[in-house]
PDB file of N, CA and C in Angstrom:
ATOM      1  N   MET A   1      90.349  25.877 104.329  1.00  0.00           N
ATOM      2  CA  MET A   1      91.702  25.719 103.831  1.00  0.00           C
ATOM      3  C   MET A   1      91.963  24.160 103.427  1.00  0.00           C
ATOM      4  N   LYS A   2      92.634  23.930 102.385  1.00  0.00           N
ATOM      5  CA  LYS A   2      92.873  22.605 101.890  1.00  0.00           C
ATOM      6  C   LYS A   2      94.341  22.158 101.975  1.00  0.00           C
ATOM      7  N   ALA A   3      94.556  20.944 102.343  1.00  0.00           N
ATOM      8  CA  ALA A   3      95.942  20.389 102.397  1.00  0.00           C
ATOM      9  C   ALA A   3      96.389  20.168 101.020  1.00  0.00           C
ATOM     10  N   THR A   4      97.616  19.889 100.784  1.00  0.00           N
ATOM     11  CA  THR A   4      98.162  19.674  99.488  1.00  0.00           C
ATOM     12  C   THR A   4      97.547  18.400  98.849  1.00  0.00           C
ATOM     13  N   ASP A   5      97.023  17.520  99.604  1.00  0.00           N
ATOM     14  CA  ASP A   5      96.377  16.257  99.057  1.00  0.00           C
ATOM     15  C   ASP A   5      94.839  16.574  98.671  1.00  0.00           C
ATOM     16  N   GLY A   6      94.582  17.865  98.825  1.00  0.00           N
ATOM     17  CA  GLY A   6      93.086  18.186  98.384  1.00  0.00           C
ATOM     18  C   GLY A   6      92.095  17.939  99.428  1.00  0.00           C
ATOM     19  N   LEU A   7      92.448  17.315 100.529  1.00  0.00           N
ATOM     20  CA  LEU A   7      91.531  17.161 101.658  1.00  0.00           C
ATOM     21  C   LEU A   7      91.530  18.322 102.544  1.00  0.00           C
ATOM     22  N   PRO A   8      90.453  18.475 103.344  1.00  0.00           N
ATOM     23  CA  PRO A   8      90.384  19.691 104.297  1.00  0.00           C
ATOM     24  C   PRO A   8      91.642  19.655 105.161  1.00  0.00           C
ATOM     25  N   GLU A   9      92.165  20.841 105.479  1.00  0.00           N
ATOM     26  CA  GLU A   9      93.280  20.934 106.356  1.00  0.00           C
ATOM     27  C   GLU A   9      92.943  20.525 107.776  1.00  0.00           C
ATOM     28  N   ASP A  10      93.166  19.308 108.085  1.00  0.00           N
ATOM     29  CA  ASP A  10      92.776  18.817 109.409  1.00  0.00           C
ATOM     30  C   ASP A  10      93.967  18.242 110.214  1.00  0.00           C
ATOM     31  N   ARG A  11      95.167  18.521 109.680  1.00  0.00           N
ATOM     32  CA  ARG A  11      96.376  18.001 110.371  1.00  0.00           C
ATOM     33  C   ARG A  11      96.759  18.742 111.524  1.00  0.00           C
ATOM     34  N   VAL A  12      97.491  18.189 112.348  1.00  0.00           N
ATOM     35  CA  VAL A  12      97.940  18.706 113.659  1.00  0.00           C
ATOM     36  C   VAL A  12      99.420  18.713 113.783  1.00  0.00           C
ATOM     37  N   THR A  13      99.943  19.496 114.759  1.00  0.00           N
ATOM     38  CA  THR A  13     101.364  19.380 115.053  1.00  0.00           C
ATOM     39  C   THR A  13     101.546  18.575 116.338  1.00  0.00           C
ATOM     40  N   CYS A  14     102.730  18.143 116.593  1.00  0.00           N
ATOM     41  CA  CYS A  14     103.120  17.401 117.691  1.00  0.00           C
ATOM     42  C   CYS A  14     102.699  18.103 119.011  1.00  0.00           C
ATOM     43  N   ARG A  15     102.827  19.438 118.989  1.00  0.00           N
ATOM     44  CA  ARG A  15     102.562  20.324 120.221  1.00  0.00           C
ATOM     45  C   ARG A  15     101.065  20.314 120.586  1.00  0.00           C
ATOM     46  N   GLU A  16     100.186  19.784 119.686  1.00  0.00           N
ATOM     47  CA  GLU A  16      98.787  19.834 119.950  1.00  0.00           C
ATOM     48  C   GLU A  16      98.328  18.604 120.482  1.00  0.00           C
ATOM     49  N   CYS A  17      99.260  17.732 120.865  1.00  0.00           N
ATOM     50  CA  CYS A  17      98.896  16.375 121.384  1.00  0.00           C
ATOM     51  C   CYS A  17      99.285  16.107 122.862  1.00  0.00           C
ATOM     52  N   ARG A  18      98.495  15.350 123.620  1.00  0.00           N
ATOM     53  CA  ARG A  18      98.814  15.064 124.864  1.00  0.00           C
ATOM     54  C   ARG A  18     100.062  14.189 125.050  1.00  0.00           C
ATOM     55  N   HIS A  19     100.455  13.465 124.034  1.00  0.00           N
ATOM     56  CA  HIS A  19     101.754  12.727 124.095  1.00  0.00           C
ATOM     57  C   HIS A  19     102.944  13.546 123.965  1.00  0.00           C
ATOM     58  N   TYR A  20     102.787  14.784 123.623  1.00  0.00           N
ATOM     59  CA  TYR A  20     103.943  15.616 123.403  1.00  0.00           C
ATOM     60  C   TYR A  20     104.664  16.082 124.816  1.00  0.00           C
ATOM     61  N   ASP A  21     105.874  15.911 124.909  1.00  0.00           N
ATOM     62  CA  ASP A  21     106.610  16.315 126.188  1.00  0.00           C
ATOM     63  C   ASP A  21     107.437  17.481 125.827  1.00  0.00           C
ATOM     64  N   ALA A  22     107.001  18.672 126.282  1.00  0.00           N
ATOM     65  CA  ALA A  22     107.683  19.921 126.001  1.00  0.00           C
ATOM     66  C   ALA A  22     109.029  19.977 126.650  1.00  0.00           C
ATOM     67  N   GLY A  23     109.285  19.194 127.765  1.00  0.00           N
ATOM     68  CA  GLY A  23     110.527  19.304 128.343  1.00  0.00           C
ATOM     69  C   GLY A  23     111.656  18.549 127.554  1.00  0.00           C
ATOM     70  N   SER A  24     111.252  17.555 126.847  1.00  0.00           N
ATOM     71  CA  SER A  24     112.345  16.778 126.041  1.00  0.00           C
ATOM     72  C   SER A  24     112.062  16.922 124.611  1.00  0.00           C
ATOM     73  N   TYR A  25     110.958  17.588 124.175  1.00  0.00           N
ATOM     74  CA  TYR A  25     110.644  17.865 122.752  1.00  0.00           C
ATOM     75  C   TYR A  25     110.472  16.573 122.026  1.00  0.00           C
ATOM     76  N   ARG A  26     109.778  15.643 122.771  1.00  0.00           N
ATOM     77  CA  ARG A  26     109.701  14.212 122.225  1.00  0.00           C
ATOM     78  C   ARG A  26     108.211  13.843 122.295  1.00  0.00           C
ATOM     79  N   CYS A  27     107.826  12.824 121.493  1.00  0.00           N
ATOM     80  CA  CYS A  27     106.537  12.187 121.583  1.00  0.00           C
ATOM     81  C   CYS A  27     106.708  11.005 122.546  1.00  0.00           C
ATOM     82  N   ASN A  28     105.824  11.025 123.644  1.00  0.00           N
ATOM     83  CA  ASN A  28     105.953   9.941 124.618  1.00  0.00           C
ATOM     84  C   ASN A  28     105.339   8.689 124.153  1.00  0.00           C
ATOM     85  N   ARG A  29     104.496   8.740 123.122  1.00  0.00           N
ATOM     86  CA  ARG A  29     103.840   7.503 122.616  1.00  0.00           C
ATOM     87  C   ARG A  29     104.789   6.720 121.749  1.00  0.00           C
ATOM     88  N   TYR A  30     105.438   7.483 120.780  1.00  0.00           N
ATOM     89  CA  TYR A  30     106.397   6.746 119.856  1.00  0.00           C
ATOM     90  C   TYR A  30     107.828   6.874 120.161  1.00  0.00           C
ATOM     91  N   ARG A  31     108.088   7.636 121.201  1.00  0.00           N
ATOM     92  CA  ARG A  31     109.533   7.871 121.602  1.00  0.00           C
ATOM     93  C   ARG A  31     110.395   8.364 120.546  1.00  0.00           C
ATOM     94  N   VAL A  32     109.912   9.350 119.887  1.00  0.00           N
ATOM     95  CA  VAL A  32     110.630  10.035 118.714  1.00  0.00           C
ATOM     96  C   VAL A  32     110.659  11.513 119.013  1.00  0.00           C
ATOM     97  N   PRO A  33     111.678  12.223 118.358  1.00  0.00           N
ATOM     98  CA  PRO A  33     111.664  13.711 118.552  1.00  0.00           C
ATOM     99  C   PRO A  33     110.439  14.267 117.847  1.00  0.00           C
ATOM    100  N   GLU A  34     109.993  15.423 118.305  1.00  0.00           N
ATOM    101  CA  GLU A  34     108.838  16.148 117.641  1.00  0.00           C
ATOM    102  C   GLU A  34     109.244  16.516 116.244  1.00  0.00           C
ATOM    103  N   LEU A  35     108.188  16.654 115.450  1.00  0.00           N
ATOM    104  CA  LEU A  35     108.308  17.116 114.054  1.00  0.00           C
ATOM    105  C   LEU A  35     108.209  18.604 113.950  1.00  0.00           C
ATOM    106  N   GLY A  36     108.391  19.335 115.067  1.00  0.00           N
ATOM    107  CA  GLY A  36     108.262  20.789 114.967  1.00  0.00           C
ATOM    108  C   GLY A  36     106.922  21.248 114.577  1.00  0.00           C
ATOM    109  N   ASP A  37     106.878  22.110 113.718  1.00  0.00           N
ATOM    110  CA  ASP A  37     105.575  22.735 113.281  1.00  0.00           C
ATOM    111  C   ASP A  37     105.014  22.075 112.047  1.00  0.00           C
ATOM    112  N   LEU A  38     105.604  20.956 111.655  1.00  0.00           N
ATOM    113  CA  LEU A  38     105.117  20.154 110.523  1.00  0.00           C
ATOM    114  C   LEU A  38     103.739  19.550 110.883  1.00  0.00           C
ATOM    115  N   PRO A  39     102.661  19.961 110.132  1.00  0.00           N
ATOM    116  CA  PRO A  39     101.366  19.472 110.448  1.00  0.00           C
ATOM    117  C   PRO A  39     101.332  17.971 109.864  1.00  0.00           C
ATOM    118  N   ARG A  40     100.564  17.082 110.532  1.00  0.00           N
ATOM    119  CA  ARG A  40     100.495  15.686 110.009  1.00  0.00           C
ATOM    120  C   ARG A  40      99.192  15.140 110.562  1.00  0.00           C
ATOM    121  N   ARG A  41      99.022  13.847 110.159  1.00  0.00           N
ATOM    122  CA  ARG A  41      97.996  13.018 110.670  1.00  0.00           C
ATOM    123  C   ARG A  41      98.626  11.894 111.399  1.00  0.00           C
ATOM    124  N   CYS A  42      98.253  11.620 112.652  1.00  0.00           N
ATOM    125  CA  CYS A  42      98.970  10.663 113.414  1.00  0.00           C
ATOM    126  C   CYS A  42      97.968   9.785 114.201  1.00  0.00           C
ATOM    127  N   LEU A  43      98.157   8.423 114.025  1.00  0.00           N
ATOM    128  CA  LEU A  43      97.224   7.514 114.699  1.00  0.00           C
ATOM    129  C   LEU A  43      97.320   7.685 116.193  1.00  0.00           C
ATOM    130  N   GLY A  44      98.476   7.997 116.763  1.00  0.00           N
ATOM    131  CA  GLY A  44      98.543   8.048 118.183  1.00  0.00           C
ATOM    132  C   GLY A  44      98.119   9.428 118.790  1.00  0.00           C
ATOM    133  N   PHE A  45      97.663  10.297 117.977  1.00  0.00           N
ATOM    134  CA  PHE A  45      97.282  11.655 118.381  1.00  0.00           C
ATOM    135  C   PHE A  45      96.148  11.537 119.531  1.00  0.00           C
ATOM    136  N   VAL A  46      96.336  12.330 120.523  1.00  0.00           N
ATOM    137  CA  VAL A  46      95.390  12.525 121.606  1.00  0.00           C
ATOM    138  C   VAL A  46      95.283  14.037 121.901  1.00  0.00           C
ATOM    139  N   PRO A  47      94.145  14.601 121.636  1.00  0.00           N
ATOM    140  CA  PRO A  47      93.959  16.039 121.659  1.00  0.00           C
ATOM    141  C   PRO A  47      94.103  16.566 123.141  1.00  0.00           C
ATOM    142  N   LEU A  48      94.625  17.819 123.234  1.00  0.00           N
ATOM    143  CA  LEU A  48      94.728  18.521 124.467  1.00  0.00           C
ATOM    144  C   LEU A  48      93.304  18.795 125.019  1.00  0.00           C
ATOM    145  N   PRO A  49      93.156  18.984 126.237  1.00  0.00           N
ATOM    146  CA  PRO A  49      91.814  19.171 126.942  1.00  0.00           C
ATOM    147  C   PRO A  49      91.061  20.359 126.291  1.00  0.00           C
ATOM    148  N   GLN A  50      91.776  21.337 125.898  1.00  0.00           N
ATOM    149  CA  GLN A  50      91.010  22.556 125.314  1.00  0.00           C
ATOM    150  C   GLN A  50      90.622  22.367 123.944  1.00  0.00           C
ATOM    151  N   ASP A  51      91.019  21.430 123.249  1.00  0.00           N
ATOM    152  CA  ASP A  51      90.698  21.146 121.828  1.00  0.00           C
ATOM    153  C   ASP A  51      89.135  20.887 121.766  1.00  0.00           C
ATOM    154  N   ILE A  52      88.527  21.559 120.819  1.00  0.00           N
ATOM    155  CA  ILE A  52      87.120  21.354 120.628  1.00  0.00           C
ATOM    156  C   ILE A  52      86.737  19.943 120.138  1.00  0.00           C
ATOM    157  N   ASP A  53      87.536  19.484 119.204  1.00  0.00           N
ATOM    158  CA  ASP A  53      87.412  18.101 118.678  1.00  0.00           C
ATOM    159  C   ASP A  53      88.214  17.115 119.540  1.00  0.00           C
ATOM    160  N   GLN A  54      87.602  16.353 120.393  1.00  0.00           N
ATOM    161  CA  GLN A  54      88.278  15.462 121.294  1.00  0.00           C
ATOM    162  C   GLN A  54      88.468  14.053 120.694  1.00  0.00           C
ATOM    163  N   ARG A  55      88.260  13.896 119.426  1.00  0.00           N
ATOM    164  CA  ARG A  55      88.503  12.543 118.872  1.00  0.00           C
ATOM    165  C   ARG A  55      90.018  12.257 118.750  1.00  0.00           C
ATOM    166  N   PRO A  56      90.437  11.035 119.073  1.00  0.00           N
ATOM    167  CA  PRO A  56      91.815  10.677 118.910  1.00  0.00           C
ATOM    168  C   PRO A  56      92.108  10.451 117.449  1.00  0.00           C
ATOM    169  N   GLY A  57      93.405  10.323 117.110  1.00  0.00           N
ATOM    170  CA  GLY A  57      93.885  10.135 115.751  1.00  0.00           C
ATOM    171  C   GLY A  57      93.209   9.019 114.944  1.00  0.00           C
ATOM    172  N   SER A  58      92.920   7.881 115.586  1.00  0.00           N
ATOM    173  CA  SER A  58      92.433   6.780 114.962  1.00  0.00           C
ATOM    174  C   SER A  58      90.963   7.055 114.477  1.00  0.00           C
ATOM    175  N   GLU A  59      90.285   7.935 115.146  1.00  0.00           N
ATOM    176  CA  GLU A  59      88.892   8.318 114.808  1.00  0.00           C
ATOM    177  C   GLU A  59      88.875   9.511 113.802  1.00  0.00           C
ATOM    178  N   ARG A  60      89.857  10.384 113.977  1.00  0.00           N
ATOM    179  CA  ARG A  60      89.815  11.580 113.114  1.00  0.00           C
ATOM    180  C   ARG A  60      90.189  11.139 111.670  1.00  0.00           C
ATOM    181  N   TRP A  61      91.127  10.202 111.561  1.00  0.00           N
ATOM    182  CA  TRP A  61      91.660   9.784 110.202  1.00  0.00           C
ATOM    183  C   TRP A  61      91.445   8.233 110.161  1.00  0.00           C
ATOM    184  N   PRO A  62      90.279   7.726 109.984  1.00  0.00           N
ATOM    185  CA  PRO A  62      89.994   6.330 109.987  1.00  0.00           C
ATOM    186  C   PRO A  62      90.637   5.478 108.941  1.00  0.00           C
ATOM    187  N   THR A  63      90.984   6.136 107.764  1.00  0.00           N
ATOM    188  CA  THR A  63      91.715   5.402 106.795  1.00  0.00           C
ATOM    189  C   THR A  63      93.233   5.352 106.874  1.00  0.00           C
ATOM    190  N   LEU A  64      93.721   6.110 107.872  1.00  0.00           N
ATOM    191  CA  LEU A  64      95.203   6.298 108.000  1.00  0.00           C
ATOM    192  C   LEU A  64      95.941   4.982 108.179  1.00  0.00           C
ATOM    193  N   LYS A  65      95.359   4.088 109.103  1.00  0.00           N
ATOM    194  CA  LYS A  65      96.009   2.829 109.306  1.00  0.00           C
ATOM    195  C   LYS A  65      96.228   1.998 108.084  1.00  0.00           C
ATOM    196  N   GLN A  66      95.111   1.958 107.219  1.00  0.00           N
ATOM    197  CA  GLN A  66      95.153   1.194 105.947  1.00  0.00           C
ATOM    198  C   GLN A  66      96.114   1.878 104.953  1.00  0.00           C
ATOM    199  N   ASP A  67      96.118   3.259 104.942  1.00  0.00           N
ATOM    200  CA  ASP A  67      97.061   3.978 104.074  1.00  0.00           C
ATOM    201  C   ASP A  67      98.476   3.623 104.448  1.00  0.00           C
ATOM    202  N   ILE A  68      98.841   3.543 105.686  1.00  0.00           N
ATOM    203  CA  ILE A  68     100.206   3.293 106.149  1.00  0.00           C
ATOM    204  C   ILE A  68     100.547   1.854 105.822  1.00  0.00           C
ATOM    205  N   ALA A  69      99.566   0.884 105.959  1.00  0.00           N
ATOM    206  CA  ALA A  69      99.818  -0.554 105.626  1.00  0.00           C
ATOM    207  C   ALA A  69     100.085  -0.629 104.022  1.00  0.00           C
ATOM    208  N   ASP A  70      99.347   0.190 103.276  1.00  0.00           N
ATOM    209  CA  ASP A  70      99.492   0.082 101.864  1.00  0.00           C
ATOM    210  C   ASP A  70     100.902   0.524 101.423  1.00  0.00           C
ATOM    211  N   ILE A  71     101.351   1.657 102.056  1.00  0.00           N
ATOM    212  CA  ILE A  71     102.635   2.216 101.748  1.00  0.00           C
ATOM    213  C   ILE A  71     103.736   1.285 102.156  1.00  0.00           C
ATOM    214  N   ARG A  72     103.668   0.626 103.317  1.00  0.00           N
ATOM    215  CA  ARG A  72     104.618  -0.333 103.750  1.00  0.00           C
ATOM    216  C   ARG A  72     104.582  -1.545 102.778  1.00  0.00           C
ATOM    217  N   ALA A  73     103.478  -1.960 102.330  1.00  0.00           N
ATOM    218  CA  ALA A  73     103.408  -3.163 101.316  1.00  0.00           C
ATOM    219  C   ALA A  73     104.157  -2.687 100.010  1.00  0.00           C
ATOM    220  N   ILE A  74     103.899  -1.489  99.595  1.00  0.00           N
ATOM    221  CA  ILE A  74     104.511  -1.032  98.346  1.00  0.00           C
ATOM    222  C   ILE A  74     106.010  -0.892  98.533  1.00  0.00           C
ATOM    223  N   GLU A  75     106.474  -0.419  99.652  1.00  0.00           N
ATOM    224  CA  GLU A  75     107.919  -0.368  99.971  1.00  0.00           C
ATOM    225  C   GLU A  75     108.532  -1.711 100.018  1.00  0.00           C
ATOM    226  N   ALA A  76     107.822  -2.707 100.667  1.00  0.00           N
ATOM    227  CA  ALA A  76     108.397  -4.085 100.733  1.00  0.00           C
ATOM    228  C   ALA A  76     108.509  -4.711  99.391  1.00  0.00           C
ATOM    229  N   ALA A  77     107.510  -4.473  98.578  1.00  0.00           N
ATOM    230  CA  ALA A  77     107.497  -5.007  97.134  1.00  0.00           C
ATOM    231  C   ALA A  77     108.708  -4.452  96.360  1.00  0.00           C
ATOM    232  N   ALA A  78     108.832  -3.082  96.577  1.00  0.00           N
ATOM    233  CA  ALA A  78     109.985  -2.403  95.868  1.00  0.00           C
ATOM    234  C   ALA A  78     111.315  -3.079  96.285  1.00  0.00           C
ATOM    235  N   ARG A  79     111.485  -3.259  97.633  1.00  0.00           N
ATOM    236  CA  ARG A  79     112.732  -3.886  98.180  1.00  0.00           C
ATOM    237  C   ARG A  79     112.981  -5.208  97.502  1.00  0.00           C
ATOM    238  N   GLU A  80     111.856  -6.028  97.536  1.00  0.00           N
ATOM    239  CA  GLU A  80     111.967  -7.403  97.017  1.00  0.00           C
ATOM    240  C   GLU A  80     112.327  -7.373  95.496  1.00  0.00           C
ATOM    241  N   SER A  81     111.750  -6.448  94.763  1.00  0.00           N
ATOM    242  CA  SER A  81     111.995  -6.495  93.338  1.00  0.00           C
ATOM    243  C   SER A  81     113.426  -5.934  93.049  1.00  0.00           C
ATOM    244  N   GLY A  82     113.986  -5.269  93.953  1.00  0.00           N
ATOM    245  CA  GLY A  82     115.439  -4.709  93.814  1.00  0.00           C
ATOM    246  C   GLY A  82     116.519  -5.718  94.199  1.00  0.00           C
ATOM    247  N   LYS A  83     116.077  -6.950  94.614  1.00  0.00           N
ATOM    248  CA  LYS A  83     117.038  -7.915  95.042  1.00  0.00           C
ATOM    249  C   LYS A  83     117.589  -8.733  93.941  1.00  0.00           C
TER     250      LYS A  83
END
C-alpha cells in the first residue's frame, strides 16, 4: 500500500507508540492530545514491545527532521515577507 505522498505506507498512529497514554489520550513525549487514528510519521515514536520493527521514529524516517526544518524555514520566510 502507498501513502498519498507516493511512499510506502509506513505511518503509525499514536496508539502504536509507547509514549501514548491511554488513560489521558495524550502523548507523554510531546504533551499533546492524541491524533486519533490519523496515521503519521513522528520523530518521537517508540514502538510497542510487540511491534516487529523496533526502530524509533528518528531511524524509521531519517529525513523527517530535515523535512520539518525545511517547512519551518518556509513558514518563517512567508511570515517575514508578509510584514
